[in-house]
């Protein structure tokens, strides 16, 4: 491998991908693409791994994907220049599609008459039909409720668009023209990718192009292995929760990370079976990037110049048992799947905190709330649907820095929608959009603050859906002595007739109704007593903390706009810092839950349920939990196994 030539090819590939991504979002139609940027374009080798992927534009969490789940349906001799493949089916694409709202396209790129690679793109369609505007609600429990599902097929054959498929797409969406406009933007971007790859091959030669692809991916693999090899060998476990399936039970994600030299294994055995709600996602029983984002993000942090391509995944193996939340099977609903992806990420970060001597980070807000609105256009009587804003919350405090206010790590690639745009495009007025003081977990490095938003309806009826909300019950956890972050809160008409509404599924606002949402916030990292007094003062001056809180929580005495260093030293001298060893602060709700249902019991229930018939599994779990409701606490694994055995037995 020539290091100079490899670096040149890496930069060429990135530039090609970035240029095409810019074309896509500048020519897109829907707010969610042209403002929020929930889309991507890239180039994949024939085996399906990406080698040219944008770093600055669109969704950055899918670089470890493989498009082979889509392209495998089309033998090479059935492909022609100008073809475009399409699918939004999670069940036939090996987890390339992780929920049906993501429409994926692929275009074969031929060089000198021979298939060389594939252009690829995806877009989150703002509506593909189904039970609710925007197609996503936590309450939906099977894919048929979530809209149109297309198995892999050809949208374009040798440059000729299949109008029948276009008509099906348009006729099944509440905003068919806008969704089709987004797909046209993606196809324009892929045509540019085709052109640029052919230009590159004409300049350097086809053989040098393929050698460059191999070298750039190997370069990424070498860097990834170097980061993993610095982790402490061993096996580490951590568990986190999604708050409630249709029965109200907590859904747990159980992660086991094993480090051996320069390789890592991530295993989610013991996690909850897929649920009768829209929190599932598909990974095709493969090493899927959504199963190891915590690790790949860490690799990219430690090696900031690493090529963003599929080579990063080569030292990693990931496994989730079929039928679990993160390896869901037909006909699971998946619209709200990103909250499960985020909780999977959190569980893996919990493992990494143990694999690193000084830890890595506390939990962030842990939600990916995407606010969507739907209303009837008064002039035309037609349905209108628009995404309002991504709604997250602060990230967790980090080993060397505070968390980021109002923006969690896992959703940081999504861009905010300008308020002016929201108020022009929708019948909503944004009354408030601001940081929430004193909302974060405290620590040596505090968590990122929560964000509040208030939306007022100016139409007779506006339907609001917010996918990805969570952490209303269990707080984001702090580590190494840091305190837990704050919970999410949603209130209807808080100033007139306040009503706490919890997780929003489908909410109809009348004229002048006002919705207030406050996000969860990041947990703290390290003991608050170790926080630099200057950082505490800055928070007080920024009105993120009161002087009374600074003294009570951080042991920092502030008089006026100055630190009283003598009184601060005396106060801190009497406060115990605690052990530097790994510890987790979950907050009272989770502690109370696990006092009754220890993690071992939840794992035992998942393992026992997964061997029961899929069609009966949900009912067996409900009956098992009901049978244990009045049992002596804490619940033990043996009690769980016996309850499942009885629930699965013949009825009296």
Foldseek 3Di string as FASTA:
>chain_A
DPVVLLVVLLVLLQVLQVVLLVLLLVQAQFCCCVFFNQKGKFWFFPQFWTQRGYDAGHDQLAQQDGQCLQCVVAPPVRADAQWKKKWQACARRLQPRWASQKIKIKGFADAPNHGGIIMIMIHRHQWQAFDDRSQDFQQAQFNRRSHDGDRIDIQTHNNRGPVVVLCNRLVRTLRSVNSVSSVVSSVVSRVSSSVSVNVVCVVPNSVSSVVSSVSLLVQLLVLLLVVLQPWAFDKFKFKDWFQQAPVRDTWMFIWIWGRDHSAIEIERALGFFAGSTQQATANNQFQGSLLPVLSLVVSCVVVVPRRSINSSCVRYGYGYDERHRHHDHPGGHHRLHVLVSLSSSQRVLLRQQQRDPQGFWFAWLSWFWWKKKWDQDPVPRGIDIHTQFTFGAWGTQTSVAATAARAYPNSNSTGGDPQVVNVVRFQKHWPDWAFDAPQWWAALHIWHTKIKIKIAGQAQKMKIAIRTAGQQQWFGKEKQAIATGHGKWKWKPCPPDTDTDPHGGIDMDGHGIMIMIITTIYIYYFALLNHDLVVLLVCCVVVNDPQVCCCVRHLWHDDDSDTPVVSSVVSSVPDDRDDSDIDMHIDDRVVVVCFQVPSQQSSLLNVLLVPADPVCSVVLSVQLCVVCVPPDPNDHSVSSNVSSVVSRDDDD
